[in-house]
């Protein structure tokens, strides 16, 4: 829903009981912060209770083997870092949610590792785990088995989220001139991100009262703009509503 609180759908919390199904997902085994080989991981988790993968948002948690498993991932609407004691800003939550929604569900080692680096950057802002210059963040991306392309991709995700993360707003440009019964008119729509950029590839479901619409839905083009055509039933106003039900914001 537009304007609603952004839900971050892939935070993982320590469960009260072990779950044997919790295992390392796509990504790379790396040394932990003390240098012990193959005891940490940059990437996603295969976690019981969800269809897909999840991401750890707390670097203080042990891995699933040492912790005896994690519980099911659950949505959160706020996050406080145990590493810094600081609560994430709404902006950082929205940007993390954007990347998780758009790129998080993957079987690619490279993509999962990039998303993991982004999650820590936004939810552990100001910590050693945060890019661009956190010591542990750079260590995790710098191990010999982690391709350099992971850091490049993570940087791209950070820049993309800065441009296209929500909250979002649907904008409907009023029709120029009077409406004429039986005469087609064009309505221009777009969806803007929190930074004011128009978002491409967004499907908008239309609800028109007092006119016939050529299509029940339209999708914003590469420039982030969509056009709907309506035919008024009479010379008057029409009620025109548009809703974007699917946006990268969970």
Protein backbone atom coordinates (compact mmCIF):
# COMPACT_ATOMS: atom_id res chain seq x y z
CA UNK A 1 0.00 0.00 0.00
CA UNK A 2 1.34 3.39 -0.91
CA UNK A 3 2.41 5.48 2.03
CA UNK A 4 2.27 2.58 4.45
CA UNK A 5 5.13 1.71 6.75
CA UNK A 6 7.80 -0.25 4.95
CA UNK A 7 8.13 -3.82 6.19
CA UNK A 8 11.57 -5.37 6.10
CA UNK A 9 10.80 -8.98 5.40
CA UNK A 10 14.06 -10.81 5.92
CA UNK A 11 15.50 -10.02 9.32
CA UNK A 12 16.49 -13.19 11.18
CA UNK A 13 16.18 -13.56 14.94
CA UNK A 14 17.68 -16.21 17.20
CA UNK A 15 15.09 -18.88 17.85
CA UNK A 16 14.27 -20.38 21.26
CA UNK A 17 14.70 -23.86 19.76
CA UNK A 18 17.15 -25.31 17.27
CA UNK A 19 15.95 -25.84 13.72
CA UNK A 20 17.94 -28.46 11.84
CA UNK A 21 16.82 -27.12 8.46
CA UNK A 22 18.74 -23.86 8.94
CA UNK A 23 21.86 -24.02 6.76
CA UNK A 24 24.17 -21.77 4.83
CA UNK A 25 22.50 -20.64 1.62
CA UNK A 26 24.03 -19.15 -1.54
CA UNK A 27 27.21 -17.19 -0.87
CA UNK A 28 30.73 -17.88 0.33
CA UNK A 29 32.23 -19.43 3.45
CA UNK A 30 34.75 -17.01 4.96
CA UNK A 31 36.82 -16.69 8.15
CA UNK A 32 35.12 -15.09 11.14
CA UNK A 33 36.31 -11.81 12.61
CA UNK A 34 38.98 -13.63 14.62
CA UNK A 35 40.39 -15.27 11.48
CA UNK A 36 39.06 -18.79 12.08
CA UNK A 37 38.53 -20.33 8.60
CA UNK A 38 35.11 -21.35 7.24
CA UNK A 39 33.19 -20.29 10.32
CA UNK A 40 31.41 -17.27 8.86
CA UNK A 41 29.49 -16.66 5.67
CA UNK A 42 28.74 -13.81 3.30
CA UNK A 43 25.44 -14.52 1.60
CA UNK A 44 22.00 -15.87 2.46
CA UNK A 45 20.57 -18.58 4.70
CA UNK A 46 18.24 -21.43 3.92
CA UNK A 47 15.85 -21.03 6.83
CA UNK A 48 12.98 -23.12 8.09
CA UNK A 49 9.51 -21.65 7.76
CA UNK A 50 9.97 -19.58 4.60
CA UNK A 51 9.91 -20.31 0.88
CA UNK A 52 13.24 -18.98 -0.32
CA UNK A 53 16.27 -17.56 1.45
CA UNK A 54 16.74 -15.05 4.26
CA UNK A 55 19.49 -12.74 5.45
CA UNK A 56 21.00 -12.16 8.86
CA UNK A 57 20.74 -8.55 9.95
CA UNK A 58 22.69 -8.99 13.20
CA UNK A 59 26.46 -9.57 12.87
CA UNK A 60 26.64 -10.48 16.57
CA UNK A 61 24.68 -13.70 15.98
CA UNK A 62 26.61 -16.94 15.63
CA UNK A 63 26.14 -18.94 12.46
CA UNK A 64 23.31 -21.46 12.28
CA UNK A 65 25.53 -24.39 13.27
CA UNK A 66 26.99 -22.70 16.35
CA UNK A 67 23.67 -21.11 17.31
CA UNK A 68 21.71 -24.33 17.02
CA UNK A 69 19.65 -22.93 14.17
CA UNK A 70 17.55 -19.79 13.71
CA UNK A 71 13.82 -19.43 13.89
CA UNK A 72 11.63 -18.45 10.92
CA UNK A 73 12.37 -15.08 9.33
CA UNK A 74 9.73 -12.49 10.10
CA UNK A 75 8.85 -8.98 8.93
CA UNK A 76 10.08 -6.03 10.99
CA UNK A 77 9.17 -2.36 10.77
CA UNK A 78 12.08 -1.11 12.91
CA UNK A 79 15.62 -2.27 13.60
CA UNK A 80 18.07 -1.52 16.41
CA UNK A 81 21.65 -2.63 15.88
CA UNK A 82 23.17 -4.67 18.70
CA UNK A 83 26.60 -3.68 17.40
CA UNK A 84 26.03 0.08 17.68
CA UNK A 85 22.91 0.40 19.86
CA UNK A 86 21.43 2.72 17.22
CA UNK A 87 18.01 2.42 15.62
CA UNK A 88 18.04 2.42 11.84
CA UNK A 89 16.50 5.43 10.14
CA UNK A 90 13.36 5.05 8.08
CA UNK A 91 15.43 5.90 5.03
CA UNK A 92 17.92 3.10 5.69
CA UNK A 93 15.11 0.61 6.36
CA UNK A 94 13.42 1.55 3.09
CA UNK A 95 16.64 1.20 1.14
CA UNK A 96 17.46 -2.16 2.69
CA UNK A 97 13.92 -3.30 1.95
CA UNK A 98 14.27 -2.22 -1.67
CA UNK A 99 17.39 -4.32 -2.21
CA UNK A 100 16.00 -7.32 -0.31
CA UNK A 101 12.75 -7.22 -2.29
CA UNK A 102 14.35 -6.82 -5.69
CA UNK A 103 17.50 -8.92 -5.38
CA UNK A 104 17.29 -10.98 -2.20
CA UNK A 105 15.57 -14.11 -3.51
CA UNK A 106 18.35 -15.72 -5.52
CA UNK A 107 20.38 -18.88 -5.91
CA UNK A 108 23.41 -16.92 -7.15
CA UNK A 109 26.36 -16.90 -4.74
CA UNK A 110 27.52 -13.53 -6.05
CA UNK A 111 24.13 -11.86 -5.81
CA UNK A 112 23.37 -13.22 -2.34
CA UNK A 113 26.75 -12.07 -1.03
CA UNK A 114 26.17 -8.60 -2.49
CA UNK A 115 22.74 -8.34 -0.85
CA UNK A 116 24.22 -9.47 2.47
CA UNK A 117 26.83 -6.69 2.31
CA UNK A 118 24.08 -4.16 1.61
CA UNK A 119 21.89 -5.36 4.50
CA UNK A 120 24.72 -4.86 6.98
CA UNK A 121 25.55 -1.47 5.48
CA UNK A 122 22.02 -0.16 6.03
CA UNK A 123 21.07 -1.90 9.27
CA UNK A 124 24.50 -1.65 10.92
CA UNK A 125 25.26 1.90 9.75
CA UNK A 126 28.35 3.35 11.40
CA UNK A 127 29.69 -0.07 12.40
CA UNK A 128 32.72 -1.97 11.15
CA UNK A 129 30.33 -4.02 9.00
CA UNK A 130 29.11 -1.07 6.93
CA UNK A 131 30.36 -0.03 3.52
CA UNK A 132 32.07 1.93 2.10
CA UNK A 133 34.96 1.81 4.57
CA UNK A 134 34.04 -0.44 7.51
CA UNK A 135 37.03 -2.66 8.30
CA UNK A 136 35.06 -5.90 8.65
CA UNK A 137 32.87 -5.02 5.64
CA UNK A 138 35.98 -4.75 3.47
CA UNK A 139 37.47 -7.91 4.98
CA UNK A 140 34.34 -9.90 4.16
CA UNK A 141 34.48 -8.74 0.53
CA UNK A 142 38.24 -9.12 0.25
CA UNK A 143 38.78 -12.83 0.87
CA UNK A 144 40.31 -14.72 -2.04
CA UNK A 145 37.23 -16.89 -2.64
CA UNK A 146 34.90 -13.85 -2.83
CA UNK A 147 34.97 -12.46 -6.39
CA UNK A 148 35.73 -8.71 -6.77
CA UNK A 149 32.44 -8.46 -8.68
CA UNK A 150 30.57 -8.89 -5.36
CA UNK A 151 31.79 -5.53 -4.07
CA UNK A 152 31.04 -3.88 -7.42
CA UNK A 153 27.52 -5.30 -7.43
CA UNK A 154 26.91 -4.30 -3.80
CA UNK A 155 27.98 -0.74 -4.60
CA UNK A 156 25.56 -0.73 -7.53
CA UNK A 157 22.71 -1.91 -5.29
CA UNK A 158 23.47 0.84 -2.79
CA UNK A 159 23.35 3.48 -5.52
CA UNK A 160 20.18 2.05 -7.02
CA UNK A 161 18.41 1.97 -3.66
CA UNK A 162 19.39 5.60 -3.05
CA UNK A 163 17.57 6.48 -6.28
CA UNK A 164 14.56 4.16 -6.31
CA UNK A 165 13.69 3.15 -2.73
CA UNK A 166 10.35 4.19 -1.22
CA UNK A 167 8.10 5.31 0.27
CA UNK A 168 6.40 5.73 -3.09
CA UNK A 169 3.77 8.03 -4.49
CA UNK A 170 1.49 7.61 -7.51
CA UNK A 171 1.09 10.80 -9.52
CA UNK A 172 -1.76 11.35 -11.97
CA UNK A 173 -1.48 14.27 -14.37
CA UNK A 174 -4.86 15.91 -14.97
CA UNK A 175 -6.22 15.88 -18.50
CA UNK A 176 -5.71 19.14 -20.38
CA UNK A 177 -8.94 20.76 -21.52
CA UNK A 178 -12.59 19.72 -21.07
CA UNK A 179 -13.73 16.12 -21.23
CA UNK A 180 -15.98 15.24 -24.17
CA UNK A 181 -18.41 12.35 -24.17
CA UNK A 182 -17.23 9.55 -26.47
CA UNK A 183 -13.88 11.23 -27.15
CA UNK A 184 -10.73 9.43 -26.05
CA UNK A 185 -8.41 11.25 -23.67
CA UNK A 186 -4.96 10.34 -22.42
CA UNK A 187 -3.97 10.34 -18.76
CA UNK A 188 -0.29 10.37 -17.80
CA UNK A 189 0.87 8.59 -14.63
CA UNK A 190 4.10 7.95 -12.83
CA UNK A 191 5.35 6.53 -9.55
CA UNK A 192 8.01 8.51 -7.70
CA UNK A 193 10.46 7.18 -5.12
CA UNK A 194 11.43 8.91 -1.88
CA UNK A 195 14.18 10.75 -3.77
CA UNK A 196 11.66 12.02 -6.35
CA UNK A 197 12.83 9.78 -9.21
CA UNK A 198 10.28 8.14 -11.48
CA UNK A 199 10.34 4.37 -11.10
CA UNK A 200 10.30 2.23 -14.28
CA UNK A 201 8.52 -1.09 -14.62
CA UNK A 202 5.73 -0.47 -12.10
CA UNK A 203 2.32 -1.94 -12.86
CA UNK A 204 -0.61 0.35 -12.01
CA UNK A 205 -4.11 -1.08 -11.65
CA UNK A 206 -6.75 1.40 -12.82
CA UNK A 207 -10.21 2.09 -11.46
CA UNK A 208 -12.23 4.55 -13.53
CA UNK A 209 -15.75 5.74 -12.78
CA UNK A 210 -17.65 7.74 -15.40
CA UNK A 211 -15.53 6.56 -18.33
CA UNK A 212 -14.40 3.46 -20.18
CA UNK A 213 -10.72 2.63 -19.95
CA UNK A 214 -8.85 0.95 -22.80
CA UNK A 215 -6.86 -1.14 -20.30
CA UNK A 216 -7.37 -2.28 -16.72
CA UNK A 217 -3.71 -1.68 -15.97
CA UNK A 218 -0.67 0.11 -17.37
CA UNK A 219 3.05 -0.21 -16.64
CA UNK A 220 5.56 2.62 -16.38
CA UNK A 221 8.12 2.61 -19.19
CA UNK A 222 11.91 2.94 -19.04
CA UNK A 223 11.47 6.63 -18.22
CA UNK A 224 9.07 5.81 -15.39
CA UNK A 225 5.96 7.11 -17.19
CA UNK A 226 2.73 5.35 -18.20
CA UNK A 227 -0.18 6.51 -20.32
CA UNK A 228 -3.79 5.40 -19.91
CA UNK A 229 -6.57 6.06 -22.43
CA UNK A 230 -10.12 6.69 -21.27
CA UNK A 231 -13.39 7.54 -23.01
CA UNK A 232 -15.75 9.68 -20.88
CA UNK A 233 -19.40 8.69 -20.82
CA UNK A 234 -20.51 12.33 -20.73
CA UNK A 235 -19.20 15.88 -20.70
CA UNK A 236 -18.16 16.03 -17.08
CA UNK A 237 -15.53 14.80 -14.67
CA UNK A 238 -14.42 11.23 -14.11
CA UNK A 239 -13.05 9.56 -11.00
CA UNK A 240 -9.68 8.08 -11.88
CA UNK A 241 -7.74 5.95 -9.39
CA UNK A 242 -4.46 4.11 -9.80
CA UNK A 243 -2.84 1.71 -7.36
CA UNK A 244 0.63 0.16 -7.42
CA UNK A 245 0.23 -3.11 -5.54
CA UNK A 246 3.69 -4.52 -6.13
CA UNK A 247 6.71 -2.37 -5.34
CA UNK A 248 10.20 -3.30 -4.11
CA UNK A 249 9.54 -2.33 -0.50
CA UNK A 250 9.33 -5.42 1.70
